[in-house]
Amino acid sequence: MPNWCSNAVVVYGDKDEVKLFKERYAQAYVNSHKNNTWGTYELFAIHNYDKEFILSDRSGWIRGPIDDVIEPQDPEAFRFFFDTAWSPMIDGMRRILKERYKTLRCEVVAEECGEAIYINTDLTERYFRDKYCLYSDQTGSEYFEEDKELVKFVQEVFHLGIKPETIKDDFYIEYAPGEELSIHRFVAY
């Protein structure tokens, strides 16, 4: 049983190609939910990839269910979510776009806590600005763009004093007996 990696993706480029990608995605989304095809190759299927090719070339896998959509205001961008087994499939996503579209590119934020994967490819912060993820049983996942916001939240909610310079890529703090919070920094990919 894999750990599922959550992927938030923004595909952007020429508005006609974005529209075509959205149409293909919408059909795959409908088909995956209608047929209950959890764990199949929906994103590859919508781009006419052969399953045998997919299975023999792990660098291009995008395996897992496609999820919901948030419509950005920008007609030249499309945001969607999908889960993949164990790790993000950023290279596979980029490969699809490069091979099938002239102008489309993507930015991805990926999280898989079991493998301590926290990746943000959006170095320009155009679509994804979060730099930190804090998780606790008390709050669930909280996201922060700046270390100062994170420090303030930890002080106010958990009554713990931390300093921005003490935050590492993976940082754990016990805030009550048997209770800890984890802080993770998104790394560039």
C-alpha atoms as a PDB file:
ATOM      1  CA  MET A   1       0.000   0.000   0.000  1.00  0.00           C
ATOM      2  CA  PRO A   2       1.629   3.258  -1.094  1.00  0.00           C
ATOM      3  CA  ASN A   3       1.761   6.490   0.785  1.00  0.00           C
ATOM      4  CA  TRP A   4      -0.085   8.991  -1.363  1.00  0.00           C
ATOM      5  CA  CYS A   5       1.697  12.162  -2.398  1.00  0.00           C
ATOM      6  CA  SER A   6      -0.637  15.138  -2.818  1.00  0.00           C
ATOM      7  CA  ASN A   7       0.089  17.277  -5.857  1.00  0.00           C
ATOM      8  CA  ALA A   8      -1.303  20.742  -6.579  1.00  0.00           C
ATOM      9  CA  VAL A   9      -0.551  21.676 -10.180  1.00  0.00           C
ATOM     10  CA  VAL A  10      -0.973  24.812 -12.244  1.00  0.00           C
ATOM     11  CA  VAL A  11      -0.688  24.341 -15.991  1.00  0.00           C
ATOM     12  CA  TYR A  12      -0.182  27.607 -17.839  1.00  0.00           C
ATOM     13  CA  GLY A  13       0.529  28.882 -21.345  1.00  0.00           C
ATOM     14  CA  ASP A  14      -1.480  29.823 -24.409  1.00  0.00           C
ATOM     15  CA  LYS A  15      -5.163  30.115 -23.470  1.00  0.00           C
ATOM     16  CA  ASP A  16      -6.298  27.810 -26.314  1.00  0.00           C
ATOM     17  CA  GLU A  17      -3.935  25.072 -25.178  1.00  0.00           C
ATOM     18  CA  VAL A  18      -4.993  25.605 -21.557  1.00  0.00           C
ATOM     19  CA  LYS A  19      -8.611  25.249 -22.684  1.00  0.00           C
ATOM     20  CA  LEU A  20      -7.795  21.986 -24.521  1.00  0.00           C
ATOM     21  CA  PHE A  21      -5.969  20.615 -21.480  1.00  0.00           C
ATOM     22  CA  LYS A  22      -8.950  21.570 -19.251  1.00  0.00           C
ATOM     23  CA  GLU A  23     -11.365  19.750 -21.580  1.00  0.00           C
ATOM     24  CA  ARG A  24      -9.240  16.607 -21.537  1.00  0.00           C
ATOM     25  CA  TYR A  25      -8.858  16.812 -17.784  1.00  0.00           C
ATOM     26  CA  ALA A  26     -12.608  17.268 -17.274  1.00  0.00           C
ATOM     27  CA  GLN A  27     -13.343  14.151 -19.338  1.00  0.00           C
ATOM     28  CA  ALA A  28     -10.763  12.106 -17.450  1.00  0.00           C
ATOM     29  CA  TYR A  29     -12.195  13.342 -14.148  1.00  0.00           C
ATOM     30  CA  VAL A  30     -15.715  12.312 -15.135  1.00  0.00           C
ATOM     31  CA  ASN A  31     -14.526   8.918 -16.400  1.00  0.00           C
ATOM     32  CA  SER A  32     -12.435   8.189 -13.320  1.00  0.00           C
ATOM     33  CA  HIS A  33     -15.335   8.888 -10.972  1.00  0.00           C
ATOM     34  CA  LYS A  34     -17.951   7.207 -13.151  1.00  0.00           C
ATOM     35  CA  ASN A  35     -15.859   4.049 -13.487  1.00  0.00           C
ATOM     36  CA  ASN A  36     -14.301   4.275 -10.009  1.00  0.00           C
ATOM     37  CA  THR A  37     -10.835   3.834 -11.497  1.00  0.00           C
ATOM     38  CA  TRP A  38      -8.811   4.660  -8.385  1.00  0.00           C
ATOM     39  CA  GLY A  39      -5.101   4.138  -9.016  1.00  0.00           C
ATOM     40  CA  THR A  40      -5.286   4.136 -12.807  1.00  0.00           C
ATOM     41  CA  TYR A  41      -3.518   6.350 -15.289  1.00  0.00           C
ATOM     42  CA  GLU A  42      -6.037   9.093 -15.862  1.00  0.00           C
ATOM     43  CA  LEU A  43      -3.659  11.877 -16.838  1.00  0.00           C
ATOM     44  CA  PHE A  44      -1.774   9.609 -19.218  1.00  0.00           C
ATOM     45  CA  ALA A  45      -5.005   8.212 -20.638  1.00  0.00           C
ATOM     46  CA  ILE A  46      -6.202  11.652 -21.665  1.00  0.00           C
ATOM     47  CA  HIS A  47      -3.014  12.188 -23.620  1.00  0.00           C
ATOM     48  CA  ASN A  48      -3.170   8.901 -25.584  1.00  0.00           C
ATOM     49  CA  TYR A  49      -0.231   7.206 -23.906  1.00  0.00           C
ATOM     50  CA  ASP A  50       0.105   3.456 -24.213  1.00  0.00           C
ATOM     51  CA  LYS A  51      -0.112   1.736 -20.801  1.00  0.00           C
ATOM     52  CA  GLU A  52       2.721  -0.642 -21.696  1.00  0.00           C
ATOM     53  CA  PHE A  53       4.930   2.356 -22.397  1.00  0.00           C
ATOM     54  CA  ILE A  54       3.981   3.843 -19.054  1.00  0.00           C
ATOM     55  CA  LEU A  55       4.730   0.669 -17.146  1.00  0.00           C
ATOM     56  CA  SER A  56       8.164   0.282 -18.724  1.00  0.00           C
ATOM     57  CA  ASP A  57       9.262   3.865 -18.147  1.00  0.00           C
ATOM     58  CA  ARG A  58       8.953   4.779 -14.471  1.00  0.00           C
ATOM     59  CA  SER A  59      10.361   8.286 -14.978  1.00  0.00           C
ATOM     60  CA  GLY A  60       7.131   9.259 -16.661  1.00  0.00           C
ATOM     61  CA  TRP A  61       4.569   7.681 -14.355  1.00  0.00           C
ATOM     62  CA  ILE A  62       1.623   9.678 -13.219  1.00  0.00           C
ATOM     63  CA  ARG A  63      -0.323   7.081 -11.312  1.00  0.00           C
ATOM     64  CA  GLY A  64      -3.181   7.922  -9.067  1.00  0.00           C
ATOM     65  CA  PRO A  65      -6.570   9.552  -8.895  1.00  0.00           C
ATOM     66  CA  ILE A  66      -7.269  12.989 -10.215  1.00  0.00           C
ATOM     67  CA  ASP A  67      -9.119  15.236  -7.830  1.00  0.00           C
ATOM     68  CA  ASP A  68     -10.810  18.575  -7.650  1.00  0.00           C
ATOM     69  CA  VAL A  69     -10.181  21.809  -9.521  1.00  0.00           C
ATOM     70  CA  ILE A  70      -9.892  25.443  -8.441  1.00  0.00           C
ATOM     71  CA  GLU A  71     -10.418  27.914 -11.240  1.00  0.00           C
ATOM     72  CA  PRO A  72      -7.857  30.730 -11.175  1.00  0.00           C
ATOM     73  CA  GLN A  73      -8.946  34.048 -12.636  1.00  0.00           C
ATOM     74  CA  ASP A  74      -6.251  33.756 -15.283  1.00  0.00           C
ATOM     75  CA  PRO A  75      -7.590  32.174 -18.547  1.00  0.00           C
ATOM     76  CA  GLU A  76      -4.026  31.165 -19.346  1.00  0.00           C
ATOM     77  CA  ALA A  77      -3.797  28.899 -16.272  1.00  0.00           C
ATOM     78  CA  PHE A  78      -5.569  25.839 -14.903  1.00  0.00           C
ATOM     79  CA  ARG A  79      -5.158  24.509 -11.347  1.00  0.00           C
ATOM     80  CA  PHE A  80      -5.924  20.910 -10.416  1.00  0.00           C
ATOM     81  CA  PHE A  81      -5.021  18.272  -7.870  1.00  0.00           C
ATOM     82  CA  PHE A  82      -4.050  14.638  -8.080  1.00  0.00           C
ATOM     83  CA  ASP A  83      -2.447  12.011  -5.893  1.00  0.00           C
ATOM     84  CA  THR A  84       0.486   9.834  -6.852  1.00  0.00           C
ATOM     85  CA  ALA A  85       2.047   6.806  -5.244  1.00  0.00           C
ATOM     86  CA  TRP A  86       5.005   7.589  -2.951  1.00  0.00           C
ATOM     87  CA  SER A  87       6.396  10.640  -4.707  1.00  0.00           C
ATOM     88  CA  PRO A  88       5.442  13.517  -6.992  1.00  0.00           C
ATOM     89  CA  MET A  89       5.454  12.886 -10.702  1.00  0.00           C
ATOM     90  CA  ILE A  90       6.783  16.265 -11.721  1.00  0.00           C
ATOM     91  CA  ASP A  91       9.001  14.896 -14.476  1.00  0.00           C
ATOM     92  CA  GLY A  92       6.085  12.908 -15.917  1.00  0.00           C
ATOM     93  CA  MET A  93       3.844  15.959 -15.878  1.00  0.00           C
ATOM     94  CA  ARG A  94       6.502  18.076 -17.568  1.00  0.00           C
ATOM     95  CA  ARG A  95       7.056  15.334 -20.122  1.00  0.00           C
ATOM     96  CA  ILE A  96       3.364  15.212 -21.063  1.00  0.00           C
ATOM     97  CA  LEU A  97       3.288  18.981 -21.521  1.00  0.00           C
ATOM     98  CA  LYS A  98       6.500  19.088 -23.546  1.00  0.00           C
ATOM     99  CA  GLU A  99       5.493  16.249 -25.859  1.00  0.00           C
ATOM    100  CA  ARG A 100       1.832  17.143 -26.355  1.00  0.00           C
ATOM    101  CA  TYR A 101       1.626  20.953 -26.174  1.00  0.00           C
ATOM    102  CA  LYS A 102       3.662  23.782 -27.652  1.00  0.00           C
ATOM    103  CA  THR A 103       3.290  26.388 -24.903  1.00  0.00           C
ATOM    104  CA  LEU A 104       2.129  24.647 -21.733  1.00  0.00           C
ATOM    105  CA  ARG A 105       4.325  24.509 -18.645  1.00  0.00           C
ATOM    106  CA  CYS A 106       3.516  23.666 -15.037  1.00  0.00           C
ATOM    107  CA  GLU A 107       4.312  24.493 -11.446  1.00  0.00           C
ATOM    108  CA  VAL A 108       3.778  21.895  -8.732  1.00  0.00           C
ATOM    109  CA  VAL A 109       3.547  21.789  -4.967  1.00  0.00           C
ATOM    110  CA  ALA A 110       3.899  18.240  -3.673  1.00  0.00           C
ATOM    111  CA  GLU A 111       3.567  16.864  -0.148  1.00  0.00           C
ATOM    112  CA  GLU A 112       4.111  13.346   1.132  1.00  0.00           C
ATOM    113  CA  CYS A 113       4.730  13.400   4.867  1.00  0.00           C
ATOM    114  CA  GLY A 114       5.705   9.710   5.192  1.00  0.00           C
ATOM    115  CA  GLU A 115       8.683  10.253   2.907  1.00  0.00           C
ATOM    116  CA  ALA A 116       9.260  13.853   4.100  1.00  0.00           C
ATOM    117  CA  ILE A 117       8.650  15.228   0.611  1.00  0.00           C
ATOM    118  CA  TYR A 118       7.771  18.915   0.520  1.00  0.00           C
ATOM    119  CA  ILE A 119       8.473  20.403  -2.915  1.00  0.00           C
ATOM    120  CA  ASN A 120       7.536  23.687  -4.568  1.00  0.00           C
ATOM    121  CA  THR A 121       8.699  24.203  -8.165  1.00  0.00           C
ATOM    122  CA  ASP A 122       7.330  27.757  -8.393  1.00  0.00           C
ATOM    123  CA  LEU A 123      10.502  29.735  -7.784  1.00  0.00           C
ATOM    124  CA  THR A 124       8.895  32.965  -9.012  1.00  0.00           C
ATOM    125  CA  GLU A 125       5.992  32.525  -6.534  1.00  0.00           C
ATOM    126  CA  ARG A 126       3.479  33.321  -9.251  1.00  0.00           C
ATOM    127  CA  TYR A 127       1.070  30.520  -8.316  1.00  0.00           C
ATOM    128  CA  PHE A 128       2.387  28.965  -5.114  1.00  0.00           C
ATOM    129  CA  ARG A 129       3.809  31.211  -2.404  1.00  0.00           C
ATOM    130  CA  ASP A 130       3.836  28.893   0.604  1.00  0.00           C
ATOM    131  CA  LYS A 131       7.277  28.095   1.956  1.00  0.00           C
ATOM    132  CA  TYR A 132       6.337  26.185   5.128  1.00  0.00           C
ATOM    133  CA  CYS A 133       3.873  23.540   6.223  1.00  0.00           C
ATOM    134  CA  LEU A 134       3.094  23.067   9.918  1.00  0.00           C
ATOM    135  CA  TYR A 135       1.223  19.975  11.022  1.00  0.00           C
ATOM    136  CA  SER A 136      -0.192  19.056  14.423  1.00  0.00           C
ATOM    137  CA  ASP A 137      -3.100  16.942  15.599  1.00  0.00           C
ATOM    138  CA  GLN A 138      -4.528  20.115  17.124  1.00  0.00           C
ATOM    139  CA  THR A 139      -4.516  22.274  13.964  1.00  0.00           C
ATOM    140  CA  GLY A 140      -4.070  19.891  11.045  1.00  0.00           C
ATOM    141  CA  SER A 141      -1.997  21.370   8.212  1.00  0.00           C
ATOM    142  CA  GLU A 142      -1.297  25.089   8.169  1.00  0.00           C
ATOM    143  CA  TYR A 143       0.687  26.877   5.453  1.00  0.00           C
ATOM    144  CA  PHE A 144       2.886  29.958   5.640  1.00  0.00           C
ATOM    145  CA  GLU A 145       4.587  32.194   3.119  1.00  0.00           C
ATOM    146  CA  GLU A 146       7.027  33.724   5.607  1.00  0.00           C
ATOM    147  CA  ASP A 147       8.941  32.372   8.587  1.00  0.00           C
ATOM    148  CA  LYS A 148       7.742  35.332  10.689  1.00  0.00           C
ATOM    149  CA  GLU A 149       4.098  34.290  10.151  1.00  0.00           C
ATOM    150  CA  LEU A 150       4.991  30.740  11.160  1.00  0.00           C
ATOM    151  CA  VAL A 151       6.815  31.861  14.311  1.00  0.00           C
ATOM    152  CA  LYS A 152       3.891  34.099  15.319  1.00  0.00           C
ATOM    153  CA  PHE A 153       1.409  31.233  14.801  1.00  0.00           C
ATOM    154  CA  VAL A 154       3.514  28.818  16.902  1.00  0.00           C
ATOM    155  CA  GLN A 155       3.781  31.409  19.673  1.00  0.00           C
ATOM    156  CA  GLU A 156       0.061  32.245  19.686  1.00  0.00           C
ATOM    157  CA  VAL A 157      -1.393  28.744  19.270  1.00  0.00           C
ATOM    158  CA  PHE A 158       1.178  26.562  21.032  1.00  0.00           C
ATOM    159  CA  HIS A 159       2.767  29.141  23.363  1.00  0.00           C
ATOM    160  CA  LEU A 160       6.221  28.101  22.199  1.00  0.00           C
ATOM    161  CA  GLY A 161       9.090  30.456  21.528  1.00  0.00           C
ATOM    162  CA  ILE A 162      11.000  29.672  18.355  1.00  0.00           C
ATOM    163  CA  LYS A 163      13.138  31.882  16.187  1.00  0.00           C
ATOM    164  CA  PRO A 164      13.159  31.938  12.387  1.00  0.00           C
ATOM    165  CA  GLU A 165      16.826  30.907  12.272  1.00  0.00           C
ATOM    166  CA  THR A 166      16.045  27.689  14.171  1.00  0.00           C
ATOM    167  CA  ILE A 167      13.613  26.443  11.513  1.00  0.00           C
ATOM    168  CA  LYS A 168      15.212  23.686   9.479  1.00  0.00           C
ATOM    169  CA  ASP A 169      13.827  21.700   6.539  1.00  0.00           C
ATOM    170  CA  ASP A 170      12.152  19.231   8.925  1.00  0.00           C
ATOM    171  CA  PHE A 171      11.617  20.438  12.462  1.00  0.00           C
ATOM    172  CA  TYR A 172       9.702  18.747  15.280  1.00  0.00           C
ATOM    173  CA  ILE A 173       8.662  20.304  18.602  1.00  0.00           C
ATOM    174  CA  GLU A 174       6.883  18.625  21.495  1.00  0.00           C
ATOM    175  CA  TYR A 175       4.196  21.043  22.693  1.00  0.00           C
ATOM    176  CA  ALA A 176       2.464  18.757  25.192  1.00  0.00           C
ATOM    177  CA  PRO A 177       3.180  15.301  26.610  1.00  0.00           C
ATOM    178  CA  GLY A 178       2.984  12.914  23.677  1.00  0.00           C
ATOM    179  CA  GLU A 179       1.956  15.719  21.272  1.00  0.00           C
ATOM    180  CA  GLU A 180       4.270  17.305  18.740  1.00  0.00           C
ATOM    181  CA  LEU A 181       4.058  19.631  15.835  1.00  0.00           C
ATOM    182  CA  SER A 182       6.121  19.286  12.704  1.00  0.00           C
ATOM    183  CA  ILE A 183       7.359  22.080  10.516  1.00  0.00           C
ATOM    184  CA  HIS A 184       8.518  21.412   6.981  1.00  0.00           C
ATOM    185  CA  ARG A 185      10.128  23.776   4.521  1.00  0.00           C
ATOM    186  CA  PHE A 186       9.182  23.393   0.846  1.00  0.00           C
ATOM    187  CA  VAL A 187      12.314  22.831  -1.199  1.00  0.00           C
ATOM    188  CA  ALA A 188      12.855  23.873  -4.812  1.00  0.00           C
ATOM    189  CA  TYR A 189      12.838  21.216  -7.511  1.00  0.00           C
END
